[in-house]
Amino acid sequence: MFSRDGDFGNMYRMFVSHFINAVEHKANVEVTEAGVEQPLETGFLKGLFSRSKKFEADHPFVFAIKYKDSIAFIGHIANYAYV
Protein backbone atom coordinates (compact mmCIF):
# COMPACT_ATOMS: atom_id res chain seq x y z
CA MET A 1 0.00 0.00 0.00
CA PHE A 2 2.79 2.46 0.90
CA SER A 3 5.21 1.37 -1.82
CA ARG A 4 5.15 1.28 -5.60
CA ASP A 5 4.14 -2.38 -5.26
CA GLY A 6 0.80 -1.39 -3.70
CA ASP A 7 -2.03 -3.42 -5.22
CA PHE A 8 -5.21 -1.44 -5.72
CA GLY A 9 -6.24 -3.48 -8.78
CA ASN A 10 -9.69 -4.21 -7.40
CA MET A 11 -10.38 -0.50 -6.87
CA TYR A 12 -9.14 0.91 -10.19
CA ARG A 13 -9.75 -0.41 -13.69
CA MET A 14 -6.93 1.66 -15.22
CA PHE A 15 -3.60 0.00 -15.98
CA VAL A 16 -1.74 2.50 -13.83
CA SER A 17 0.07 1.65 -10.61
CA HIS A 18 -1.48 3.36 -7.59
CA PHE A 19 0.10 3.67 -4.16
CA ILE A 20 -0.09 5.88 -1.08
CA ASN A 21 2.99 7.99 -0.49
CA ALA A 22 1.83 10.03 2.52
CA VAL A 23 -0.84 10.09 5.18
CA GLU A 24 -1.80 13.11 7.26
CA HIS A 25 -4.07 13.06 10.28
CA LYS A 26 -5.28 16.06 12.22
CA ALA A 27 -7.24 16.10 15.45
CA ASN A 28 -8.54 18.90 17.60
CA VAL A 29 -8.79 18.21 21.30
CA GLU A 30 -10.27 20.90 23.51
CA VAL A 31 -9.62 20.43 27.20
CA THR A 32 -11.20 22.94 29.57
CA GLU A 33 -11.66 23.11 33.32
CA ALA A 34 -15.00 21.35 32.79
CA GLY A 35 -13.32 18.46 30.97
CA VAL A 36 -13.47 17.24 27.39
CA GLU A 37 -16.42 18.23 25.22
CA GLN A 38 -18.49 15.64 23.33
CA PRO A 39 -17.97 13.74 21.03
CA LEU A 40 -14.36 13.21 22.15
CA GLU A 41 -15.49 11.77 25.45
CA THR A 42 -16.27 8.40 23.90
CA GLY A 43 -14.31 5.21 23.36
CA PHE A 44 -10.79 5.14 24.74
CA LEU A 45 -10.86 8.90 25.44
CA LYS A 46 -13.60 8.46 28.04
CA GLY A 47 -11.99 8.94 31.41
CA LEU A 48 -8.63 9.80 29.87
CA PHE A 49 -8.89 13.38 31.10
CA SER A 50 -10.46 12.63 34.47
CA ARG A 51 -7.26 13.45 36.36
CA SER A 52 -6.72 17.19 36.41
CA LYS A 53 -3.43 19.01 36.80
CA LYS A 54 -2.83 22.72 36.63
CA PHE A 55 -0.54 23.85 33.83
CA GLU A 56 0.01 27.49 32.93
CA ALA A 57 0.80 27.80 29.24
CA ASP A 58 3.11 30.82 29.39
CA HIS A 59 5.81 29.42 27.09
CA PRO A 60 6.08 27.20 23.99
CA PHE A 61 5.76 23.50 24.77
CA VAL A 62 5.20 20.03 23.33
CA PHE A 63 2.46 17.78 24.67
CA ALA A 64 1.45 14.15 24.28
CA ILE A 65 -1.69 12.34 25.36
CA LYS A 66 -0.99 8.70 26.11
CA TYR A 67 -3.36 5.76 26.43
CA LYS A 68 -1.75 2.72 28.00
CA ASP A 69 1.58 2.35 26.12
CA SER A 70 0.52 4.24 22.98
CA ILE A 71 0.57 7.93 22.14
CA ALA A 72 -2.98 8.91 21.15
CA PHE A 73 -2.17 12.55 20.30
CA ILE A 74 0.97 14.64 20.12
CA GLY A 75 1.25 18.33 19.39
CA HIS A 76 2.93 21.59 20.24
CA ILE A 77 2.01 25.12 21.20
CA ALA A 78 4.38 27.64 19.65
CA ASN A 79 2.43 30.85 20.30
CA TYR A 80 0.93 30.61 23.76
CA ALA A 81 -0.83 33.99 23.40
CA TYR A 82 -3.68 32.18 21.63
CA VAL A 83 -4.10 29.39 24.21
PDB file of N, CA and C in Angstrom:
ATOM      1  N   MET A   1       0.812  -1.181   0.000  1.00  0.00           N
ATOM      2  CA  MET A   1       0.000   0.000   0.000  1.00  0.00           C
ATOM      3  C   MET A   1       0.866   1.260   0.000  1.00  0.00           C
ATOM      4  N   PHE A   2       1.942   1.276   0.787  1.00  0.00           N
ATOM      5  CA  PHE A   2       2.788   2.457   0.897  1.00  0.00           C
ATOM      6  C   PHE A   2       4.048   2.365   0.039  1.00  0.00           C
ATOM      7  N   SER A   3       4.075   1.455  -0.904  1.00  0.00           N
ATOM      8  CA  SER A   3       5.211   1.366  -1.819  1.00  0.00           C
ATOM      9  C   SER A   3       4.680   1.306  -3.245  1.00  0.00           C
ATOM     10  N   ARG A   4       5.578   1.353  -4.200  1.00  0.00           N
ATOM     11  CA  ARG A   4       5.149   1.285  -5.600  1.00  0.00           C
ATOM     12  C   ARG A   4       4.573  -0.086  -5.949  1.00  0.00           C
ATOM     13  N   ASP A   5       4.716  -1.049  -5.049  1.00  0.00           N
ATOM     14  CA  ASP A   5       4.144  -2.377  -5.258  1.00  0.00           C
ATOM     15  C   ASP A   5       2.725  -2.480  -4.710  1.00  0.00           C
ATOM     16  N   GLY A   6       2.158  -1.376  -4.248  1.00  0.00           N
ATOM     17  CA  GLY A   6       0.803  -1.392  -3.699  1.00  0.00           C
ATOM     18  C   GLY A   6      -0.187  -1.923  -4.727  1.00  0.00           C
ATOM     19  N   ASP A   7      -1.080  -2.790  -4.301  1.00  0.00           N
ATOM     20  CA  ASP A   7      -2.027  -3.417  -5.216  1.00  0.00           C
ATOM     21  C   ASP A   7      -3.433  -2.890  -4.952  1.00  0.00           C
ATOM     22  N   PHE A   8      -3.860  -1.965  -5.787  1.00  0.00           N
ATOM     23  CA  PHE A   8      -5.214  -1.442  -5.723  1.00  0.00           C
ATOM     24  C   PHE A   8      -6.000  -1.863  -6.963  1.00  0.00           C
ATOM     25  N   GLY A   9      -5.625  -2.994  -7.545  1.00  0.00           N
ATOM     26  CA  GLY A   9      -6.237  -3.477  -8.779  1.00  0.00           C
ATOM     27  C   GLY A   9      -7.735  -3.664  -8.701  1.00  0.00           C
ATOM     28  N   ASN A  10      -8.252  -4.028  -7.538  1.00  0.00           N
ATOM     29  CA  ASN A  10      -9.695  -4.214  -7.399  1.00  0.00           C
ATOM     30  C   ASN A  10     -10.448  -2.897  -7.242  1.00  0.00           C
ATOM     31  N   MET A  11      -9.731  -1.805  -7.034  1.00  0.00           N
ATOM     32  CA  MET A  11     -10.377  -0.505  -6.867  1.00  0.00           C
ATOM     33  C   MET A  11     -10.325   0.331  -8.143  1.00  0.00           C
ATOM     34  N   TYR A  12      -9.322   0.122  -8.970  1.00  0.00           N
ATOM     35  CA  TYR A  12      -9.144   0.909 -10.188  1.00  0.00           C
ATOM     36  C   TYR A  12      -9.102  -0.013 -11.392  1.00  0.00           C
ATOM     37  N   ARG A  13      -9.750   0.392 -12.468  1.00  0.00           N
ATOM     38  CA  ARG A  13      -9.747  -0.414 -13.688  1.00  0.00           C
ATOM     39  C   ARG A  13      -8.652   0.038 -14.658  1.00  0.00           C
ATOM     40  N   MET A  14      -8.001   1.166 -14.346  1.00  0.00           N
ATOM     41  CA  MET A  14      -6.930   1.656 -15.216  1.00  0.00           C
ATOM     42  C   MET A  14      -5.675   0.810 -15.024  1.00  0.00           C
ATOM     43  N   PHE A  15      -4.865   0.749 -16.048  1.00  0.00           N
ATOM     44  CA  PHE A  15      -3.604  -0.004 -15.979  1.00  0.00           C
ATOM     45  C   PHE A  15      -2.477   0.909 -15.512  1.00  0.00           C
ATOM     46  N   VAL A  16      -2.714   1.592 -14.417  1.00  0.00           N
ATOM     47  CA  VAL A  16      -1.735   2.503 -13.830  1.00  0.00           C
ATOM     48  C   VAL A  16      -1.496   2.050 -12.395  1.00  0.00           C
ATOM     49  N   SER A  17      -0.256   2.053 -11.979  1.00  0.00           N
ATOM     50  CA  SER A  17       0.074   1.655 -10.615  1.00  0.00           C
ATOM     51  C   SER A  17      -0.329   2.761  -9.644  1.00  0.00           C
ATOM     52  N   HIS A  18      -1.074   2.413  -8.620  1.00  0.00           N
ATOM     53  CA  HIS A  18      -1.478   3.363  -7.592  1.00  0.00           C
ATOM     54  C   HIS A  18      -0.855   2.950  -6.270  1.00  0.00           C
ATOM     55  N   PHE A  19      -0.419   3.934  -5.501  1.00  0.00           N
ATOM     56  CA  PHE A  19       0.097   3.666  -4.165  1.00  0.00           C
ATOM     57  C   PHE A  19      -0.079   4.917  -3.324  1.00  0.00           C
ATOM     58  N   ILE A  20       0.033   4.763  -2.027  1.00  0.00           N
ATOM     59  CA  ILE A  20      -0.085   5.875  -1.083  1.00  0.00           C
ATOM     60  C   ILE A  20       1.321   6.277  -0.672  1.00  0.00           C
ATOM     61  N   ASN A  21       1.649   7.560  -0.855  1.00  0.00           N
ATOM     62  CA  ASN A  21       2.994   7.991  -0.488  1.00  0.00           C
ATOM     63  C   ASN A  21       3.025   8.836   0.780  1.00  0.00           C
ATOM     64  N   ALA A  22       1.855   9.247   1.281  1.00  0.00           N
ATOM     65  CA  ALA A  22       1.833  10.027   2.516  1.00  0.00           C
ATOM     66  C   ALA A  22       0.446   9.953   3.137  1.00  0.00           C
ATOM     67  N   VAL A  23       0.415  10.059   4.447  1.00  0.00           N
ATOM     68  CA  VAL A  23      -0.840  10.085   5.184  1.00  0.00           C
ATOM     69  C   VAL A  23      -0.736  11.210   6.197  1.00  0.00           C
ATOM     70  N   GLU A  24      -1.778  12.020   6.285  1.00  0.00           N
ATOM     71  CA  GLU A  24      -1.798  13.107   7.258  1.00  0.00           C
ATOM     72  C   GLU A  24      -3.065  12.988   8.083  1.00  0.00           C
ATOM     73  N   HIS A  25      -2.920  13.134   9.374  1.00  0.00           N
ATOM     74  CA  HIS A  25      -4.067  13.057  10.280  1.00  0.00           C
ATOM     75  C   HIS A  25      -4.044  14.272  11.187  1.00  0.00           C
ATOM     76  N   LYS A  26      -5.178  14.923  11.318  1.00  0.00           N
ATOM     77  CA  LYS A  26      -5.279  16.063  12.220  1.00  0.00           C
ATOM     78  C   LYS A  26      -6.406  15.803  13.204  1.00  0.00           C
ATOM     79  N   ALA A  27      -6.207  16.237  14.418  1.00  0.00           N
ATOM     80  CA  ALA A  27      -7.238  16.096  15.448  1.00  0.00           C
ATOM     81  C   ALA A  27      -7.231  17.341  16.315  1.00  0.00           C
ATOM     82  N   ASN A  28      -8.398  17.773  16.681  1.00  0.00           N
ATOM     83  CA  ASN A  28      -8.536  18.897  17.597  1.00  0.00           C
ATOM     84  C   ASN A  28      -9.075  18.371  18.911  1.00  0.00           C
ATOM     85  N   VAL A  29      -8.365  18.620  19.974  1.00  0.00           N
ATOM     86  CA  VAL A  29      -8.790  18.207  21.303  1.00  0.00           C
ATOM     87  C   VAL A  29      -8.896  19.462  22.147  1.00  0.00           C
ATOM     88  N   GLU A  30     -10.080  19.733  22.655  1.00  0.00           N
ATOM     89  CA  GLU A  30     -10.266  20.898  23.509  1.00  0.00           C
ATOM     90  C   GLU A  30     -10.467  20.425  24.941  1.00  0.00           C
ATOM     91  N   VAL A  31      -9.547  20.794  25.791  1.00  0.00           N
ATOM     92  CA  VAL A  31      -9.616  20.434  27.203  1.00  0.00           C
ATOM     93  C   VAL A  31      -9.823  21.718  27.988  1.00  0.00           C
ATOM     94  N   THR A  32     -10.896  21.773  28.744  1.00  0.00           N
ATOM     95  CA  THR A  32     -11.196  22.939  29.570  1.00  0.00           C
ATOM     96  C   THR A  32     -11.258  22.502  31.028  1.00  0.00           C
ATOM     97  N   GLU A  33     -11.518  23.452  31.909  1.00  0.00           N
ATOM     98  CA  GLU A  33     -11.657  23.105  33.321  1.00  0.00           C
ATOM     99  C   GLU A  33     -12.822  22.157  33.543  1.00  0.00           C
ATOM    100  N   ALA A  34     -13.822  22.220  32.667  1.00  0.00           N
ATOM    101  CA  ALA A  34     -14.997  21.348  32.794  1.00  0.00           C
ATOM    102  C   ALA A  34     -14.736  19.954  32.246  1.00  0.00           C
ATOM    103  N   GLY A  35     -13.643  19.771  31.539  1.00  0.00           N
ATOM    104  CA  GLY A  35     -13.316  18.458  30.968  1.00  0.00           C
ATOM    105  C   GLY A  35     -13.268  18.504  29.457  1.00  0.00           C
ATOM    106  N   VAL A  36     -13.515  17.364  28.843  1.00  0.00           N
ATOM    107  CA  VAL A  36     -13.474  17.240  27.388  1.00  0.00           C
ATOM    108  C   VAL A  36     -14.892  17.306  26.861  1.00  0.00           C
ATOM    109  N   GLU A  37     -15.099  18.098  25.813  1.00  0.00           N
ATOM    110  CA  GLU A  37     -16.423  18.232  25.221  1.00  0.00           C
ATOM    111  C   GLU A  37     -16.762  17.013  24.381  1.00  0.00           C
ATOM    112  N   GLN A  38     -18.034  16.697  24.233  1.00  0.00           N
ATOM    113  CA  GLN A  38     -18.489  15.637  23.326  1.00  0.00           C
ATOM    114  C   GLN A  38     -18.116  16.055  21.914  1.00  0.00           C
ATOM    115  N   PRO A  39     -17.861  15.191  20.970  1.00  0.00           N
ATOM    116  CA  PRO A  39     -17.966  13.744  21.031  1.00  0.00           C
ATOM    117  C   PRO A  39     -16.655  13.069  21.410  1.00  0.00           C
ATOM    118  N   LEU A  40     -15.641  13.819  21.819  1.00  0.00           N
ATOM    119  CA  LEU A  40     -14.358  13.209  22.148  1.00  0.00           C
ATOM    120  C   LEU A  40     -14.422  12.326  23.383  1.00  0.00           C
ATOM    121  N   GLU A  41     -15.416  12.523  24.205  1.00  0.00           N
ATOM    122  CA  GLU A  41     -15.485  11.772  25.451  1.00  0.00           C
ATOM    123  C   GLU A  41     -16.159  10.412  25.233  1.00  0.00           C
ATOM    124  N   THR A  42     -15.742   9.723  24.192  1.00  0.00           N
ATOM    125  CA  THR A  42     -16.267   8.396  23.901  1.00  0.00           C
ATOM    126  C   THR A  42     -15.098   7.467  23.659  1.00  0.00           C
ATOM    127  N   GLY A  43     -15.353   6.190  23.649  1.00  0.00           N
ATOM    128  CA  GLY A  43     -14.309   5.214  23.356  1.00  0.00           C
ATOM    129  C   GLY A  43     -13.169   5.283  24.348  1.00  0.00           C
ATOM    130  N   PHE A  44     -11.941   5.176  23.836  1.00  0.00           N
ATOM    131  CA  PHE A  44     -10.790   5.140  24.737  1.00  0.00           C
ATOM    132  C   PHE A  44     -10.510   6.491  25.366  1.00  0.00           C
ATOM    133  N   LEU A  45     -11.086   7.584  24.834  1.00  0.00           N
ATOM    134  CA  LEU A  45     -10.859   8.896  25.438  1.00  0.00           C
ATOM    135  C   LEU A  45     -11.694   9.107  26.688  1.00  0.00           C
ATOM    136  N   LYS A  46     -12.754   8.297  26.868  1.00  0.00           N
ATOM    137  CA  LYS A  46     -13.600   8.463  28.038  1.00  0.00           C
ATOM    138  C   LYS A  46     -12.778   8.180  29.295  1.00  0.00           C
ATOM    139  N   GLY A  47     -12.744   9.112  30.176  1.00  0.00           N
ATOM    140  CA  GLY A  47     -11.992   8.938  31.411  1.00  0.00           C
ATOM    141  C   GLY A  47     -10.517   9.271  31.288  1.00  0.00           C
ATOM    142  N   LEU A  48     -10.044   9.511  30.068  1.00  0.00           N
ATOM    143  CA  LEU A  48      -8.629   9.802  29.870  1.00  0.00           C
ATOM    144  C   LEU A  48      -8.243  11.118  30.537  1.00  0.00           C
ATOM    145  N   PHE A  49      -9.171  12.064  30.562  1.00  0.00           N
ATOM    146  CA  PHE A  49      -8.890  13.383  31.105  1.00  0.00           C
ATOM    147  C   PHE A  49      -9.492  13.572  32.493  1.00  0.00           C
ATOM    148  N   SER A  50      -9.806  12.508  33.172  1.00  0.00           N
ATOM    149  CA  SER A  50     -10.457  12.630  34.471  1.00  0.00           C
ATOM    150  C   SER A  50      -9.512  13.166  35.543  1.00  0.00           C
ATOM    151  N   ARG A  51      -8.230  12.917  35.410  1.00  0.00           N
ATOM    152  CA  ARG A  51      -7.259  13.451  36.363  1.00  0.00           C
ATOM    153  C   ARG A  51      -6.881  14.864  35.923  1.00  0.00           C
ATOM    154  N   SER A  52      -7.040  15.816  36.802  1.00  0.00           N
ATOM    155  CA  SER A  52      -6.720  17.187  36.406  1.00  0.00           C
ATOM    156  C   SER A  52      -5.428  17.646  37.070  1.00  0.00           C
ATOM    157  N   LYS A  53      -4.648  18.385  36.304  1.00  0.00           N
ATOM    158  CA  LYS A  53      -3.426  19.007  36.799  1.00  0.00           C
ATOM    159  C   LYS A  53      -3.398  20.422  36.261  1.00  0.00           C
ATOM    160  N   LYS A  54      -2.917  21.333  37.070  1.00  0.00           N
ATOM    161  CA  LYS A  54      -2.829  22.720  36.628  1.00  0.00           C
ATOM    162  C   LYS A  54      -1.546  22.916  35.833  1.00  0.00           C
ATOM    163  N   PHE A  55      -1.687  23.535  34.679  1.00  0.00           N
ATOM    164  CA  PHE A  55      -0.543  23.854  33.832  1.00  0.00           C
ATOM    165  C   PHE A  55      -0.777  25.234  33.255  1.00  0.00           C
ATOM    166  N   GLU A  56       0.135  26.141  33.471  1.00  0.00           N
ATOM    167  CA  GLU A  56       0.011  27.485  32.932  1.00  0.00           C
ATOM    168  C   GLU A  56       0.828  27.575  31.656  1.00  0.00           C
ATOM    169  N   ALA A  57       0.147  27.784  30.551  1.00  0.00           N
ATOM    170  CA  ALA A  57       0.798  27.805  29.239  1.00  0.00           C
ATOM    171  C   ALA A  57       1.359  29.194  28.967  1.00  0.00           C
ATOM    172  N   ASP A  58       2.496  29.506  29.580  1.00  0.00           N
ATOM    173  CA  ASP A  58       3.107  30.819  29.390  1.00  0.00           C
ATOM    174  C   ASP A  58       4.424  30.730  28.625  1.00  0.00           C
ATOM    175  N   HIS A  59       4.603  29.618  27.900  1.00  0.00           N
ATOM    176  CA  HIS A  59       5.808  29.424  27.092  1.00  0.00           C
ATOM    177  C   HIS A  59       5.513  28.329  26.058  1.00  0.00           C
ATOM    178  N   PRO A  60       6.275  28.279  24.976  1.00  0.00           N
ATOM    179  CA  PRO A  60       6.079  27.202  23.994  1.00  0.00           C
ATOM    180  C   PRO A  60       6.345  25.838  24.635  1.00  0.00           C
ATOM    181  N   PHE A  61       5.572  24.833  24.216  1.00  0.00           N
ATOM    182  CA  PHE A  61       5.757  23.500  24.774  1.00  0.00           C
ATOM    183  C   PHE A  61       5.223  22.429  23.829  1.00  0.00           C
ATOM    184  N   VAL A  62       5.666  21.209  24.053  1.00  0.00           N
ATOM    185  CA  VAL A  62       5.203  20.026  23.326  1.00  0.00           C
ATOM    186  C   VAL A  62       4.371  19.206  24.297  1.00  0.00           C
ATOM    187  N   PHE A  63       3.278  18.616  23.809  1.00  0.00           N
ATOM    188  CA  PHE A  63       2.463  17.777  24.675  1.00  0.00           C
ATOM    189  C   PHE A  63       2.134  16.461  23.984  1.00  0.00           C
ATOM    190  N   ALA A  64       1.867  15.460  24.788  1.00  0.00           N
ATOM    191  CA  ALA A  64       1.447  14.150  24.281  1.00  0.00           C
ATOM    192  C   ALA A  64       0.369  13.610  25.199  1.00  0.00           C
ATOM    193  N   ILE A  65      -0.637  13.002  24.607  1.00  0.00           N
ATOM    194  CA  ILE A  65      -1.692  12.341  25.362  1.00  0.00           C
ATOM    195  C   ILE A  65      -1.520  10.852  25.131  1.00  0.00           C
ATOM    196  N   LYS A  66      -1.245  10.136  26.209  1.00  0.00           N
ATOM    197  CA  LYS A  66      -0.987   8.699  26.106  1.00  0.00           C
ATOM    198  C   LYS A  66      -2.195   7.907  26.574  1.00  0.00           C
ATOM    199  N   TYR A  67      -2.373   6.738  25.984  1.00  0.00           N
ATOM    200  CA  TYR A  67      -3.364   5.764  26.427  1.00  0.00           C
ATOM    201  C   TYR A  67      -2.648   4.433  26.530  1.00  0.00           C
ATOM    202  N   LYS A  68      -2.534   3.917  27.733  1.00  0.00           N
ATOM    203  CA  LYS A  68      -1.748   2.715  28.004  1.00  0.00           C
ATOM    204  C   LYS A  68      -0.315   2.958  27.524  1.00  0.00           C
ATOM    205  N   ASP A  69       0.205   2.175  26.594  1.00  0.00           N
ATOM    206  CA  ASP A  69       1.581   2.352  26.119  1.00  0.00           C
ATOM    207  C   ASP A  69       1.659   3.057  24.768  1.00  0.00           C
ATOM    208  N   SER A  70       0.542   3.601  24.298  1.00  0.00           N
ATOM    209  CA  SER A  70       0.517   4.242  22.980  1.00  0.00           C
ATOM    210  C   SER A  70       0.270   5.736  23.113  1.00  0.00           C
ATOM    211  N   ILE A  71       0.832   6.501  22.199  1.00  0.00           N
ATOM    212  CA  ILE A  71       0.567   7.933  22.137  1.00  0.00           C
ATOM    213  C   ILE A  71      -0.671   8.130  21.275  1.00  0.00           C
ATOM    214  N   ALA A  72      -1.733   8.672  21.876  1.00  0.00           N
ATOM    215  CA  ALA A  72      -2.977   8.912  21.152  1.00  0.00           C
ATOM    216  C   ALA A  72      -2.903  10.213  20.363  1.00  0.00           C
ATOM    217  N   PHE A  73      -2.326  11.249  20.949  1.00  0.00           N
ATOM    218  CA  PHE A  73      -2.171  12.545  20.300  1.00  0.00           C
ATOM    219  C   PHE A  73      -0.832  13.128  20.702  1.00  0.00           C
ATOM    220  N   ILE A  74      -0.237  13.890  19.798  1.00  0.00           N
ATOM    221  CA  ILE A  74       0.974  14.643  20.119  1.00  0.00           C
ATOM    222  C   ILE A  74       0.876  15.976  19.385  1.00  0.00           C
ATOM    223  N   GLY A  75       1.342  17.021  20.016  1.00  0.00           N
ATOM    224  CA  GLY A  75       1.254  18.333  19.390  1.00  0.00           C
ATOM    225  C   GLY A  75       2.183  19.319  20.063  1.00  0.00           C
ATOM    226  N   HIS A  76       2.098  20.559  19.626  1.00  0.00           N
ATOM    227  CA  HIS A  76       2.927  21.593  20.237  1.00  0.00           C
ATOM    228  C   HIS A  76       2.189  22.924  20.210  1.00  0.00           C
ATOM    229  N   ILE A  77       2.512  23.755  21.147  1.00  0.00           N
ATOM    230  CA  ILE A  77       2.013  25.122  21.197  1.00  0.00           C
ATOM    231  C   ILE A  77       3.228  26.015  21.015  1.00  0.00           C
ATOM    232  N   ALA A  78       3.244  26.765  19.928  1.00  0.00           N
ATOM    233  CA  ALA A  78       4.376  27.643  19.646  1.00  0.00           C
ATOM    234  C   ALA A  78       4.078  29.076  20.070  1.00  0.00           C
ATOM    235  N   ASN A  79       2.815  29.489  19.943  1.00  0.00           N
ATOM    236  CA  ASN A  79       2.434  30.846  20.304  1.00  0.00           C
ATOM    237  C   ASN A  79       1.387  30.754  21.407  1.00  0.00           C
ATOM    238  N   TYR A  80       1.817  30.813  22.633  1.00  0.00           N
ATOM    239  CA  TYR A  80       0.930  30.610  23.765  1.00  0.00           C
ATOM    240  C   TYR A  80      -0.050  31.756  23.975  1.00  0.00           C
ATOM    241  N   ALA A  81       0.093  32.864  23.252  1.00  0.00           N
ATOM    242  CA  ALA A  81      -0.828  33.986  23.401  1.00  0.00           C
ATOM    243  C   ALA A  81      -2.239  33.610  22.969  1.00  0.00           C
ATOM    244  N   TYR A  82      -2.370  32.576  22.132  1.00  0.00           N
ATOM    245  CA  TYR A  82      -3.684  32.176  21.633  1.00  0.00           C
ATOM    246  C   TYR A  82      -4.258  30.990  22.386  1.00  0.00           C
ATOM    247  N   VAL A  83      -3.612  30.551  23.438  1.00  0.00           N
ATOM    248  CA  VAL A  83      -4.100  29.394  24.206  1.00  0.00           C
ATOM    249  C   VAL A  83      -5.223  29.831  25.106  1.00  0.00           C
TER     250      VAL A  83
END
